């Protein structure tokens, strides 16, 4: 799926689309065509994992919850043109609120070689910001740390798309540049069957994901302490099951512990190698009637990539733990978590 966007503006002080452009024709006229390329498994994953008649409502609710994430609709675009040599400083910067499937503009740039970076859907995503964008190699999407709960961060609120493309602007030649933007974040959902237990105190988190995305290189960077992401509850009628979902940057690849590349560089974007160790985690906290907290860590050994949704299922046991029948998922339970006392559940 995709949308076709065109963007243009002027250098030499003419940066507002609605300006009178009569005196601003100082550069070579170009056309830039931007296409958001949504590569995702969301529909397939939901149909596969939530396939029973009792799960129809939950499947619909989860799809609706993620409709603003796995979408090829661009609300806003941030466009930067950099020198292609040396420190690669930014030569031109433009931002637009699109709010449409198609828009057409004309762009004027002096002839030269450029490196162009584009980012879509950052404005309405307070968890992520563009940093270091005065110079091309340093430009990146960064997780914004800092909230009422300093130990955790909220889920992303939009699907993030990025592109990078070298350009050579020629004099006296009509040129059209086609730029494809690909998704940079992903989502994970945990569906839990209470099995008659009170889970009104249930809290669910995910962790193990990248904290930064380098736009020029299309690579992810991982902090020594991975962000802990608060999952949002997805409510549905006609089911006892509850669903918690988070949206975040991808996890590590098992073969590359320090950096992960974007999925657009693979022929089968969601077929990845499994790891012998945990790659990322779900964490659940349930407060029991006696006030003690049971903490469960579900260790996921599968890589989650940009554009991907992963859905896992579990159920609540008498001691407040969350168990799963998925034998590829490691389970570690801490009873009376505030006071320690770890109980390892055999896999």
C-alpha atoms as a PDB file:
ATOM      1  CA  UNK A   1       0.000   0.000   0.000  1.00  0.00           C
ATOM      2  CA  UNK A   2       1.176   3.536  -0.440  1.00  0.00           C
ATOM      3  CA  UNK A   3       0.326   7.180  -0.809  1.00  0.00           C
ATOM      4  CA  UNK A   4       1.910   9.530  -3.292  1.00  0.00           C
ATOM      5  CA  UNK A   5       3.072  12.850  -1.911  1.00  0.00           C
ATOM      6  CA  UNK A   6       4.878  15.627  -3.734  1.00  0.00           C
ATOM      7  CA  UNK A   7       6.759  18.403  -1.963  1.00  0.00           C
ATOM      8  CA  UNK A   8       8.475  21.571  -3.014  1.00  0.00           C
ATOM      9  CA  UNK A   9       9.666  24.894  -1.771  1.00  0.00           C
ATOM     10  CA  UNK A  10      12.330  27.492  -2.407  1.00  0.00           C
ATOM     11  CA  UNK A  11      15.757  28.065  -1.045  1.00  0.00           C
ATOM     12  CA  UNK A  12      17.023  31.638  -0.684  1.00  0.00           C
ATOM     13  CA  UNK A  13      14.473  32.549   1.954  1.00  0.00           C
ATOM     14  CA  UNK A  14      11.273  31.301   0.278  1.00  0.00           C
ATOM     15  CA  UNK A  15      10.209  28.430   2.515  1.00  0.00           C
ATOM     16  CA  UNK A  16       6.456  28.895   2.854  1.00  0.00           C
ATOM     17  CA  UNK A  17       4.358  27.154   0.234  1.00  0.00           C
ATOM     18  CA  UNK A  18       1.717  29.881   0.029  1.00  0.00           C
ATOM     19  CA  UNK A  19       4.217  32.739  -0.480  1.00  0.00           C
ATOM     20  CA  UNK A  20       4.268  34.740  -3.687  1.00  0.00           C
ATOM     21  CA  UNK A  21       7.012  32.926  -5.575  1.00  0.00           C
ATOM     22  CA  UNK A  22       7.523  35.526  -8.279  1.00  0.00           C
ATOM     23  CA  UNK A  23      10.937  36.684  -7.015  1.00  0.00           C
ATOM     24  CA  UNK A  24      12.130  33.331  -5.734  1.00  0.00           C
ATOM     25  CA  UNK A  25      13.093  31.410  -8.870  1.00  0.00           C
ATOM     26  CA  UNK A  26      16.784  31.237  -7.930  1.00  0.00           C
ATOM     27  CA  UNK A  27      17.272  27.490  -8.282  1.00  0.00           C
ATOM     28  CA  UNK A  28      16.600  24.616 -10.618  1.00  0.00           C
ATOM     29  CA  UNK A  29      12.958  23.494 -10.710  1.00  0.00           C
ATOM     30  CA  UNK A  30      12.420  19.941  -9.477  1.00  0.00           C
ATOM     31  CA  UNK A  31       9.582  17.633  -8.548  1.00  0.00           C
ATOM     32  CA  UNK A  32       9.851  15.361  -5.538  1.00  0.00           C
ATOM     33  CA  UNK A  33       7.473  12.394  -5.337  1.00  0.00           C
ATOM     34  CA  UNK A  34       7.198  10.826  -1.889  1.00  0.00           C
ATOM     35  CA  UNK A  35       5.572   7.430  -1.435  1.00  0.00           C
ATOM     36  CA  UNK A  36       4.896   5.814   1.937  1.00  0.00           C
ATOM     37  CA  UNK A  37       5.515   2.085   1.606  1.00  0.00           C
ATOM     38  CA  UNK A  38       3.681   0.191   4.318  1.00  0.00           C
ATOM     39  CA  UNK A  39       5.166  -3.291   4.631  1.00  0.00           C
ATOM     40  CA  UNK A  40       3.406  -5.060   7.494  1.00  0.00           C
ATOM     41  CA  UNK A  41       2.078  -8.418   8.656  1.00  0.00           C
ATOM     42  CA  UNK A  42      -0.609  -6.909  10.906  1.00  0.00           C
ATOM     43  CA  UNK A  43      -3.657  -8.391   9.177  1.00  0.00           C
ATOM     44  CA  UNK A  44      -2.082 -11.842   8.834  1.00  0.00           C
ATOM     45  CA  UNK A  45      -0.869 -11.903  12.449  1.00  0.00           C
ATOM     46  CA  UNK A  46      -4.250 -10.921  13.880  1.00  0.00           C
ATOM     47  CA  UNK A  47      -6.102 -13.472  11.732  1.00  0.00           C
ATOM     48  CA  UNK A  48      -3.628 -16.198  12.722  1.00  0.00           C
ATOM     49  CA  UNK A  49      -3.407 -15.540  16.457  1.00  0.00           C
ATOM     50  CA  UNK A  50      -6.978 -14.400  17.154  1.00  0.00           C
ATOM     51  CA  UNK A  51      -8.893 -16.867  15.030  1.00  0.00           C
ATOM     52  CA  UNK A  52     -11.660 -18.279  17.236  1.00  0.00           C
ATOM     53  CA  UNK A  53     -15.233 -17.062  17.249  1.00  0.00           C
ATOM     54  CA  UNK A  54     -14.810 -15.742  20.791  1.00  0.00           C
ATOM     55  CA  UNK A  55     -11.830 -13.666  19.667  1.00  0.00           C
ATOM     56  CA  UNK A  56     -13.524 -11.878  16.764  1.00  0.00           C
ATOM     57  CA  UNK A  57     -14.306  -8.804  18.848  1.00  0.00           C
ATOM     58  CA  UNK A  58     -10.805  -8.683  20.297  1.00  0.00           C
ATOM     59  CA  UNK A  59      -9.260  -9.043  16.849  1.00  0.00           C
ATOM     60  CA  UNK A  60     -11.348  -6.132  15.583  1.00  0.00           C
ATOM     61  CA  UNK A  61     -10.475  -3.996  18.614  1.00  0.00           C
ATOM     62  CA  UNK A  62      -6.749  -4.642  18.222  1.00  0.00           C
ATOM     63  CA  UNK A  63      -6.878  -3.794  14.532  1.00  0.00           C
ATOM     64  CA  UNK A  64      -8.709  -0.559  15.317  1.00  0.00           C
ATOM     65  CA  UNK A  65      -6.230   0.245  18.085  1.00  0.00           C
ATOM     66  CA  UNK A  66      -3.354  -0.060  15.604  1.00  0.00           C
ATOM     67  CA  UNK A  67      -5.099   1.635  12.689  1.00  0.00           C
ATOM     68  CA  UNK A  68      -3.146   4.869  13.206  1.00  0.00           C
ATOM     69  CA  UNK A  69       0.117   2.941  13.503  1.00  0.00           C
ATOM     70  CA  UNK A  70       0.052   0.556  10.547  1.00  0.00           C
ATOM     71  CA  UNK A  71      -1.216   3.169   8.117  1.00  0.00           C
ATOM     72  CA  UNK A  72       0.245   4.594   4.916  1.00  0.00           C
ATOM     73  CA  UNK A  73      -1.282   7.999   5.651  1.00  0.00           C
ATOM     74  CA  UNK A  74       1.149  10.868   6.250  1.00  0.00           C
ATOM     75  CA  UNK A  75      -0.004  13.576   8.624  1.00  0.00           C
ATOM     76  CA  UNK A  76       3.267  15.515   8.593  1.00  0.00           C
ATOM     77  CA  UNK A  77       6.607  15.336   6.805  1.00  0.00           C
ATOM     78  CA  UNK A  78      10.000  16.702   7.800  1.00  0.00           C
ATOM     79  CA  UNK A  79      12.366  17.151   4.845  1.00  0.00           C
ATOM     80  CA  UNK A  80      16.087  17.963   4.973  1.00  0.00           C
ATOM     81  CA  UNK A  81      18.638  18.439   2.208  1.00  0.00           C
ATOM     82  CA  UNK A  82      22.302  18.112   3.121  1.00  0.00           C
ATOM     83  CA  UNK A  83      25.672  18.723   1.553  1.00  0.00           C
ATOM     84  CA  UNK A  84      26.919  15.371   0.251  1.00  0.00           C
ATOM     85  CA  UNK A  85      30.517  15.958   1.353  1.00  0.00           C
ATOM     86  CA  UNK A  86      32.529  16.755   4.475  1.00  0.00           C
ATOM     87  CA  UNK A  87      30.497  17.101   7.662  1.00  0.00           C
ATOM     88  CA  UNK A  88      27.335  17.121   5.521  1.00  0.00           C
ATOM     89  CA  UNK A  89      25.624  20.187   7.025  1.00  0.00           C
ATOM     90  CA  UNK A  90      21.976  20.824   6.286  1.00  0.00           C
ATOM     91  CA  UNK A  91      21.393  23.256   3.410  1.00  0.00           C
ATOM     92  CA  UNK A  92      17.601  23.298   3.399  1.00  0.00           C
ATOM     93  CA  UNK A  93      14.890  22.236   5.841  1.00  0.00           C
ATOM     94  CA  UNK A  94      11.146  22.174   5.296  1.00  0.00           C
ATOM     95  CA  UNK A  95       8.160  20.888   7.266  1.00  0.00           C
ATOM     96  CA  UNK A  96       4.611  20.342   6.040  1.00  0.00           C
ATOM     97  CA  UNK A  97       1.314  19.246   7.535  1.00  0.00           C
ATOM     98  CA  UNK A  98      -0.003  16.950   4.818  1.00  0.00           C
ATOM     99  CA  UNK A  99      -3.302  15.541   6.144  1.00  0.00           C
ATOM    100  CA  UNK A 100      -4.114  14.230   2.696  1.00  0.00           C
ATOM    101  CA  UNK A 101      -3.322  11.338   0.427  1.00  0.00           C
ATOM    102  CA  UNK A 102      -1.768  13.515  -2.267  1.00  0.00           C
ATOM    103  CA  UNK A 103      -0.263  16.970  -2.511  1.00  0.00           C
ATOM    104  CA  UNK A 104       1.778  18.582  -5.264  1.00  0.00           C
ATOM    105  CA  UNK A 105       4.420  21.265  -4.926  1.00  0.00           C
ATOM    106  CA  UNK A 106       7.382  22.543  -6.889  1.00  0.00           C
ATOM    107  CA  UNK A 107      10.902  22.568  -5.457  1.00  0.00           C
ATOM    108  CA  UNK A 108      13.758  24.871  -6.389  1.00  0.00           C
ATOM    109  CA  UNK A 109      17.345  23.966  -5.447  1.00  0.00           C
ATOM    110  CA  UNK A 110      20.690  25.159  -6.824  1.00  0.00           C
ATOM    111  CA  UNK A 111      22.522  22.561  -8.888  1.00  0.00           C
ATOM    112  CA  UNK A 112      24.774  20.341  -6.778  1.00  0.00           C
ATOM    113  CA  UNK A 113      24.841  16.940  -5.075  1.00  0.00           C
ATOM    114  CA  UNK A 114      22.648  16.475  -2.010  1.00  0.00           C
ATOM    115  CA  UNK A 115      21.800  13.819   0.525  1.00  0.00           C
ATOM    116  CA  UNK A 116      18.099  13.989   1.273  1.00  0.00           C
ATOM    117  CA  UNK A 117      16.474  12.657   4.471  1.00  0.00           C
ATOM    118  CA  UNK A 118      12.708  12.527   5.033  1.00  0.00           C
ATOM    119  CA  UNK A 119      10.653  11.627   8.113  1.00  0.00           C
ATOM    120  CA  UNK A 120       6.867  11.317   8.370  1.00  0.00           C
ATOM    121  CA  UNK A 121       4.456  11.365  11.329  1.00  0.00           C
ATOM    122  CA  UNK A 122       6.660  12.768  14.103  1.00  0.00           C
ATOM    123  CA  UNK A 123       4.487  15.749  15.101  1.00  0.00           C
ATOM    124  CA  UNK A 124       1.828  13.684  16.903  1.00  0.00           C
ATOM    125  CA  UNK A 125       4.294  11.247  18.476  1.00  0.00           C
ATOM    126  CA  UNK A 126       5.498  12.835  21.749  1.00  0.00           C
ATOM    127  CA  UNK A 127       7.581   9.770  22.624  1.00  0.00           C
ATOM    128  CA  UNK A 128       9.946  10.241  19.674  1.00  0.00           C
ATOM    129  CA  UNK A 129      11.791  13.300  18.372  1.00  0.00           C
ATOM    130  CA  UNK A 130      14.245  14.166  15.594  1.00  0.00           C
ATOM    131  CA  UNK A 131      17.664  15.018  17.014  1.00  0.00           C
ATOM    132  CA  UNK A 132      21.048  15.944  15.566  1.00  0.00           C
ATOM    133  CA  UNK A 133      19.491  16.942  12.257  1.00  0.00           C
ATOM    134  CA  UNK A 134      21.753  19.921  11.542  1.00  0.00           C
ATOM    135  CA  UNK A 135      24.216  17.400  10.121  1.00  0.00           C
ATOM    136  CA  UNK A 136      23.237  14.382   8.046  1.00  0.00           C
ATOM    137  CA  UNK A 137      25.303  11.630   9.771  1.00  0.00           C
ATOM    138  CA  UNK A 138      24.001  12.669  13.205  1.00  0.00           C
ATOM    139  CA  UNK A 139      20.322  12.944  12.288  1.00  0.00           C
ATOM    140  CA  UNK A 140      18.291  10.359  14.190  1.00  0.00           C
ATOM    141  CA  UNK A 141      14.955   9.543  15.766  1.00  0.00           C
ATOM    142  CA  UNK A 142      15.373   9.344  19.525  1.00  0.00           C
ATOM    143  CA  UNK A 143      13.182   8.067  22.318  1.00  0.00           C
ATOM    144  CA  UNK A 144      12.190  11.000  24.512  1.00  0.00           C
ATOM    145  CA  UNK A 145      12.835   9.986  28.107  1.00  0.00           C
ATOM    146  CA  UNK A 146      10.959  11.832  30.783  1.00  0.00           C
ATOM    147  CA  UNK A 147       7.385  11.536  32.014  1.00  0.00           C
ATOM    148  CA  UNK A 148       5.338  11.341  35.193  1.00  0.00           C
ATOM    149  CA  UNK A 149       6.718   7.834  35.617  1.00  0.00           C
ATOM    150  CA  UNK A 150      10.457   8.263  35.021  1.00  0.00           C
ATOM    151  CA  UNK A 151      11.123   4.511  34.959  1.00  0.00           C
ATOM    152  CA  UNK A 152       8.905   3.860  31.947  1.00  0.00           C
ATOM    153  CA  UNK A 153       7.863   5.481  28.687  1.00  0.00           C
ATOM    154  CA  UNK A 154       4.587   5.511  26.796  1.00  0.00           C
ATOM    155  CA  UNK A 155       4.051   3.644  23.550  1.00  0.00           C
ATOM    156  CA  UNK A 156       4.539   5.385  20.229  1.00  0.00           C
ATOM    157  CA  UNK A 157       1.358   7.027  19.016  1.00  0.00           C
ATOM    158  CA  UNK A 158       2.027   7.058  15.256  1.00  0.00           C
ATOM    159  CA  UNK A 159       3.614   4.889  12.610  1.00  0.00           C
ATOM    160  CA  UNK A 160       6.983   6.470  11.810  1.00  0.00           C
ATOM    161  CA  UNK A 161       8.314   6.471   8.239  1.00  0.00           C
ATOM    162  CA  UNK A 162      11.750   7.515   6.994  1.00  0.00           C
ATOM    163  CA  UNK A 163      13.748   7.726   3.769  1.00  0.00           C
ATOM    164  CA  UNK A 164      17.193   8.642   2.616  1.00  0.00           C
ATOM    165  CA  UNK A 165      18.270   9.363  -0.955  1.00  0.00           C
ATOM    166  CA  UNK A 166      21.303  10.885  -2.684  1.00  0.00           C
ATOM    167  CA  UNK A 167      20.376  13.487  -5.309  1.00  0.00           C
ATOM    168  CA  UNK A 168      22.216  15.311  -8.059  1.00  0.00           C
ATOM    169  CA  UNK A 169      20.463  18.457  -9.209  1.00  0.00           C
ATOM    170  CA  UNK A 170      21.376  19.327 -12.804  1.00  0.00           C
ATOM    171  CA  UNK A 171      21.102  22.689 -14.488  1.00  0.00           C
ATOM    172  CA  UNK A 172      18.590  23.125 -17.286  1.00  0.00           C
ATOM    173  CA  UNK A 173      17.076  19.655 -16.905  1.00  0.00           C
ATOM    174  CA  UNK A 174      13.549  18.789 -15.794  1.00  0.00           C
ATOM    175  CA  UNK A 175      14.000  16.292 -12.972  1.00  0.00           C
ATOM    176  CA  UNK A 176      11.665  14.175 -10.889  1.00  0.00           C
ATOM    177  CA  UNK A 177      12.950  12.340  -7.818  1.00  0.00           C
ATOM    178  CA  UNK A 178      10.978   9.444  -6.362  1.00  0.00           C
ATOM    179  CA  UNK A 179      11.493   8.883  -2.632  1.00  0.00           C
ATOM    180  CA  UNK A 180      10.030   5.883  -0.796  1.00  0.00           C
ATOM    181  CA  UNK A 181       9.541   6.061   2.957  1.00  0.00           C
ATOM    182  CA  UNK A 182       9.468   2.865   5.024  1.00  0.00           C
ATOM    183  CA  UNK A 183       8.169   2.190   8.515  1.00  0.00           C
ATOM    184  CA  UNK A 184      10.603   2.474  11.419  1.00  0.00           C
ATOM    185  CA  UNK A 185       8.585   1.133  14.378  1.00  0.00           C
ATOM    186  CA  UNK A 186       6.557  -1.976  15.270  1.00  0.00           C
ATOM    187  CA  UNK A 187       4.030  -3.335  17.781  1.00  0.00           C
ATOM    188  CA  UNK A 188       3.584  -6.224  20.213  1.00  0.00           C
ATOM    189  CA  UNK A 189       0.416  -7.478  21.904  1.00  0.00           C
ATOM    190  CA  UNK A 190      -0.146  -9.830  24.830  1.00  0.00           C
ATOM    191  CA  UNK A 191      -3.580 -11.470  25.117  1.00  0.00           C
ATOM    192  CA  UNK A 192      -4.295 -12.813  28.605  1.00  0.00           C
ATOM    193  CA  UNK A 193      -7.043 -15.183  29.771  1.00  0.00           C
ATOM    194  CA  UNK A 194      -7.810 -14.337  33.445  1.00  0.00           C
ATOM    195  CA  UNK A 195      -9.275 -17.809  34.077  1.00  0.00           C
ATOM    196  CA  UNK A 196     -11.528 -16.400  36.773  1.00  0.00           C
ATOM    197  CA  UNK A 197      -8.843 -14.417  38.608  1.00  0.00           C
ATOM    198  CA  UNK A 198      -9.114 -10.750  39.514  1.00  0.00           C
ATOM    199  CA  UNK A 199      -6.750  -8.858  37.217  1.00  0.00           C
ATOM    200  CA  UNK A 200      -8.016  -5.337  37.852  1.00  0.00           C
ATOM    201  CA  UNK A 201      -4.520  -4.421  39.072  1.00  0.00           C
ATOM    202  CA  UNK A 202      -2.734  -5.895  36.055  1.00  0.00           C
ATOM    203  CA  UNK A 203       0.030  -3.801  34.495  1.00  0.00           C
ATOM    204  CA  UNK A 204       1.927  -4.881  31.386  1.00  0.00           C
ATOM    205  CA  UNK A 205       5.210  -3.586  29.989  1.00  0.00           C
ATOM    206  CA  UNK A 206       7.622  -4.475  27.180  1.00  0.00           C
ATOM    207  CA  UNK A 207      11.377  -3.939  26.995  1.00  0.00           C
ATOM    208  CA  UNK A 208      14.427  -4.874  24.940  1.00  0.00           C
ATOM    209  CA  UNK A 209      13.989  -2.465  22.041  1.00  0.00           C
ATOM    210  CA  UNK A 210      16.120   0.140  20.299  1.00  0.00           C
ATOM    211  CA  UNK A 211      16.189   3.654  21.703  1.00  0.00           C
ATOM    212  CA  UNK A 212      17.452   5.391  18.556  1.00  0.00           C
ATOM    213  CA  UNK A 213      17.156   5.144  14.768  1.00  0.00           C
ATOM    214  CA  UNK A 214      19.886   6.600  12.557  1.00  0.00           C
ATOM    215  CA  UNK A 215      18.052   8.021   9.555  1.00  0.00           C
ATOM    216  CA  UNK A 216      20.923   8.220   7.054  1.00  0.00           C
ATOM    217  CA  UNK A 217      22.157   4.662   7.676  1.00  0.00           C
ATOM    218  CA  UNK A 218      18.745   3.136   8.432  1.00  0.00           C
ATOM    219  CA  UNK A 219      20.127   1.453  11.552  1.00  0.00           C
ATOM    220  CA  UNK A 220      18.899   1.077  15.120  1.00  0.00           C
ATOM    221  CA  UNK A 221      20.970   1.750  18.232  1.00  0.00           C
ATOM    222  CA  UNK A 222      20.427   0.090  21.610  1.00  0.00           C
ATOM    223  CA  UNK A 223      21.073   1.736  24.971  1.00  0.00           C
ATOM    224  CA  UNK A 224      22.693  -0.219  27.794  1.00  0.00           C
ATOM    225  CA  UNK A 225      19.396   0.107  29.678  1.00  0.00           C
ATOM    226  CA  UNK A 226      16.593  -0.524  27.230  1.00  0.00           C
ATOM    227  CA  UNK A 227      13.461   1.621  27.642  1.00  0.00           C
ATOM    228  CA  UNK A 228      10.576   0.000  29.504  1.00  0.00           C
ATOM    229  CA  UNK A 229       7.413   0.654  27.514  1.00  0.00           C
ATOM    230  CA  UNK A 230       3.985   0.871  29.122  1.00  0.00           C
ATOM    231  CA  UNK A 231       1.423  -1.237  27.262  1.00  0.00           C
ATOM    232  CA  UNK A 232      -2.054   0.110  26.600  1.00  0.00           C
ATOM    233  CA  UNK A 233      -5.110  -1.994  27.276  1.00  0.00           C
ATOM    234  CA  UNK A 234      -7.202  -2.812  24.215  1.00  0.00           C
ATOM    235  CA  UNK A 235     -10.805  -3.267  25.295  1.00  0.00           C
ATOM    236  CA  UNK A 236     -13.289  -5.546  23.585  1.00  0.00           C
ATOM    237  CA  UNK A 237     -16.774  -6.792  24.434  1.00  0.00           C
ATOM    238  CA  UNK A 238     -17.995 -10.389  24.467  1.00  0.00           C
ATOM    239  CA  UNK A 239     -14.694 -11.848  25.679  1.00  0.00           C
ATOM    240  CA  UNK A 240     -13.060 -12.627  29.015  1.00  0.00           C
ATOM    241  CA  UNK A 241      -9.614 -12.164  27.542  1.00  0.00           C
ATOM    242  CA  UNK A 242      -7.740  -8.876  27.918  1.00  0.00           C
ATOM    243  CA  UNK A 243      -5.213  -7.480  25.474  1.00  0.00           C
ATOM    244  CA  UNK A 244      -2.271  -5.164  26.145  1.00  0.00           C
ATOM    245  CA  UNK A 245      -0.338  -3.595  23.291  1.00  0.00           C
ATOM    246  CA  UNK A 246       2.826  -1.513  22.931  1.00  0.00           C
ATOM    247  CA  UNK A 247       4.318   0.309  19.942  1.00  0.00           C
ATOM    248  CA  UNK A 248       8.069   0.871  19.869  1.00  0.00           C
ATOM    249  CA  UNK A 249      11.273   0.556  17.864  1.00  0.00           C
ATOM    250  CA  UNK A 250      12.324  -3.003  16.879  1.00  0.00           C
ATOM    251  CA  UNK A 251      14.395  -5.468  18.906  1.00  0.00           C
ATOM    252  CA  UNK A 252      17.935  -6.622  18.241  1.00  0.00           C
ATOM    253  CA  UNK A 253      18.735  -9.228  15.652  1.00  0.00           C
ATOM    254  CA  UNK A 254      20.244 -12.283  17.394  1.00  0.00           C
ATOM    255  CA  UNK A 255      23.274 -12.165  15.094  1.00  0.00           C
ATOM    256  CA  UNK A 256      23.908  -8.456  15.676  1.00  0.00           C
ATOM    257  CA  UNK A 257      23.645  -7.470  19.316  1.00  0.00           C
ATOM    258  CA  UNK A 258      24.657  -3.838  18.857  1.00  0.00           C
ATOM    259  CA  UNK A 259      22.806  -2.598  15.798  1.00  0.00           C
ATOM    260  CA  UNK A 260      19.841  -3.670  13.660  1.00  0.00           C
ATOM    261  CA  UNK A 261      19.117  -2.653  10.093  1.00  0.00           C
ATOM    262  CA  UNK A 262      15.764  -1.680   8.648  1.00  0.00           C
ATOM    263  CA  UNK A 263      13.588  -4.473   7.256  1.00  0.00           C
ATOM    264  CA  UNK A 264      13.499  -2.939   3.777  1.00  0.00           C
ATOM    265  CA  UNK A 265      16.940  -4.480   3.203  1.00  0.00           C
ATOM    266  CA  UNK A 266      15.606  -8.043   3.495  1.00  0.00           C
ATOM    267  CA  UNK A 267      13.681 -10.047   0.908  1.00  0.00           C
ATOM    268  CA  UNK A 268      11.423 -11.631   3.557  1.00  0.00           C
ATOM    269  CA  UNK A 269      11.057  -8.829   6.091  1.00  0.00           C
ATOM    270  CA  UNK A 270       9.379 -10.791   8.886  1.00  0.00           C
ATOM    271  CA  UNK A 271      11.216 -14.100   8.608  1.00  0.00           C
ATOM    272  CA  UNK A 272      14.039 -13.827  11.123  1.00  0.00           C
ATOM    273  CA  UNK A 273      16.281 -16.174  12.991  1.00  0.00           C
ATOM    274  CA  UNK A 274      15.283 -17.300  16.484  1.00  0.00           C
ATOM    275  CA  UNK A 275      17.693 -16.868  19.345  1.00  0.00           C
ATOM    276  CA  UNK A 276      18.778 -19.272  22.054  1.00  0.00           C
ATOM    277  CA  UNK A 277      18.420 -16.389  24.485  1.00  0.00           C
ATOM    278  CA  UNK A 278      15.777 -13.762  25.232  1.00  0.00           C
ATOM    279  CA  UNK A 279      15.708 -10.958  22.662  1.00  0.00           C
ATOM    280  CA  UNK A 280      12.934  -8.848  24.212  1.00  0.00           C
ATOM    281  CA  UNK A 281      10.375  -9.213  27.021  1.00  0.00           C
ATOM    282  CA  UNK A 282       6.857  -8.756  28.275  1.00  0.00           C
ATOM    283  CA  UNK A 283       6.671  -7.916  31.988  1.00  0.00           C
ATOM    284  CA  UNK A 284       3.444  -8.243  33.986  1.00  0.00           C
ATOM    285  CA  UNK A 285       2.620  -7.108  37.524  1.00  0.00           C
ATOM    286  CA  UNK A 286      -0.483  -8.355  39.351  1.00  0.00           C
ATOM    287  CA  UNK A 287      -1.335  -7.208  42.882  1.00  0.00           C
ATOM    288  CA  UNK A 288      -3.014 -10.010  44.828  1.00  0.00           C
ATOM    289  CA  UNK A 289      -5.677  -9.582  47.538  1.00  0.00           C
ATOM    290  CA  UNK A 290      -3.030  -9.724  50.289  1.00  0.00           C
ATOM    291  CA  UNK A 291      -1.241  -6.730  48.744  1.00  0.00           C
ATOM    292  CA  UNK A 292       1.744  -8.680  47.401  1.00  0.00           C
ATOM    293  CA  UNK A 293       2.795  -8.283  43.778  1.00  0.00           C
ATOM    294  CA  UNK A 294       3.562 -11.133  41.398  1.00  0.00           C
ATOM    295  CA  UNK A 295       5.956 -10.175  38.612  1.00  0.00           C
ATOM    296  CA  UNK A 296       6.211 -12.319  35.485  1.00  0.00           C
ATOM    297  CA  UNK A 297       8.819 -11.903  32.764  1.00  0.00           C
ATOM    298  CA  UNK A 298       8.009 -13.527  29.425  1.00  0.00           C
ATOM    299  CA  UNK A 299      11.230 -13.837  27.461  1.00  0.00           C
ATOM    300  CA  UNK A 300      10.660 -13.658  23.686  1.00  0.00           C
ATOM    301  CA  UNK A 301      13.317 -15.331  21.561  1.00  0.00           C
ATOM    302  CA  UNK A 302      12.040 -14.047  18.224  1.00  0.00           C
ATOM    303  CA  UNK A 303      13.199 -10.807  16.654  1.00  0.00           C
ATOM    304  CA  UNK A 304      10.517  -8.177  16.084  1.00  0.00           C
ATOM    305  CA  UNK A 305      11.179  -5.900  13.137  1.00  0.00           C
ATOM    306  CA  UNK A 306       9.944  -2.586  11.768  1.00  0.00           C
ATOM    307  CA  UNK A 307       6.433  -2.862  10.347  1.00  0.00           C
ATOM    308  CA  UNK A 308       5.760  -6.063  12.272  1.00  0.00           C
ATOM    309  CA  UNK A 309       3.067  -7.002  14.784  1.00  0.00           C
ATOM    310  CA  UNK A 310       3.602  -9.932  17.134  1.00  0.00           C
ATOM    311  CA  UNK A 311       0.743 -11.339  19.222  1.00  0.00           C
ATOM    312  CA  UNK A 312       1.327 -13.716  22.147  1.00  0.00           C
ATOM    313  CA  UNK A 313      -1.138 -15.433  24.459  1.00  0.00           C
ATOM    314  CA  UNK A 314      -1.004 -16.240  28.159  1.00  0.00           C
ATOM    315  CA  UNK A 315      -3.194 -17.031  31.149  1.00  0.00           C
ATOM    316  CA  UNK A 316      -3.241 -16.164  34.852  1.00  0.00           C
ATOM    317  CA  UNK A 317      -2.435 -18.777  37.475  1.00  0.00           C
ATOM    318  CA  UNK A 318      -3.538 -18.953  41.113  1.00  0.00           C
ATOM    319  CA  UNK A 319      -0.380 -17.214  42.338  1.00  0.00           C
ATOM    320  CA  UNK A 320      -0.870 -14.240  40.007  1.00  0.00           C
ATOM    321  CA  UNK A 321       1.697 -15.350  37.449  1.00  0.00           C
ATOM    322  CA  UNK A 322       1.129 -15.191  33.692  1.00  0.00           C
ATOM    323  CA  UNK A 323       1.901 -18.494  32.010  1.00  0.00           C
ATOM    324  CA  UNK A 324       1.894 -19.437  28.324  1.00  0.00           C
ATOM    325  CA  UNK A 325       1.615 -22.612  26.296  1.00  0.00           C
ATOM    326  CA  UNK A 326       4.132 -21.219  23.797  1.00  0.00           C
ATOM    327  CA  UNK A 327       7.229 -23.332  24.458  1.00  0.00           C
ATOM    328  CA  UNK A 328       9.447 -20.834  22.646  1.00  0.00           C
ATOM    329  CA  UNK A 329       8.751 -18.246  25.352  1.00  0.00           C
ATOM    330  CA  UNK A 330      10.753 -18.295  28.574  1.00  0.00           C
ATOM    331  CA  UNK A 331       8.855 -17.592  31.801  1.00  0.00           C
ATOM    332  CA  UNK A 332      10.318 -16.226  35.030  1.00  0.00           C
ATOM    333  CA  UNK A 333       8.066 -15.489  38.021  1.00  0.00           C
ATOM    334  CA  UNK A 334       8.834 -13.463  41.133  1.00  0.00           C
ATOM    335  CA  UNK A 335       6.344 -13.937  43.980  1.00  0.00           C
ATOM    336  CA  UNK A 336       5.927 -11.114  46.488  1.00  0.00           C
ATOM    337  CA  UNK A 337       8.030  -9.033  44.135  1.00  0.00           C
ATOM    338  CA  UNK A 338       8.545  -6.075  46.454  1.00  0.00           C
ATOM    339  CA  UNK A 339      10.374  -8.300  48.929  1.00  0.00           C
ATOM    340  CA  UNK A 340      12.234 -10.479  46.462  1.00  0.00           C
ATOM    341  CA  UNK A 341      11.776 -14.231  46.512  1.00  0.00           C
ATOM    342  CA  UNK A 342      12.194 -15.377  42.934  1.00  0.00           C
ATOM    343  CA  UNK A 343      10.517 -18.504  41.659  1.00  0.00           C
ATOM    344  CA  UNK A 344      11.740 -19.789  38.313  1.00  0.00           C
ATOM    345  CA  UNK A 345       9.068 -21.561  36.303  1.00  0.00           C
ATOM    346  CA  UNK A 346      10.441 -24.489  34.229  1.00  0.00           C
ATOM    347  CA  UNK A 347      10.027 -24.069  30.481  1.00  0.00           C
END
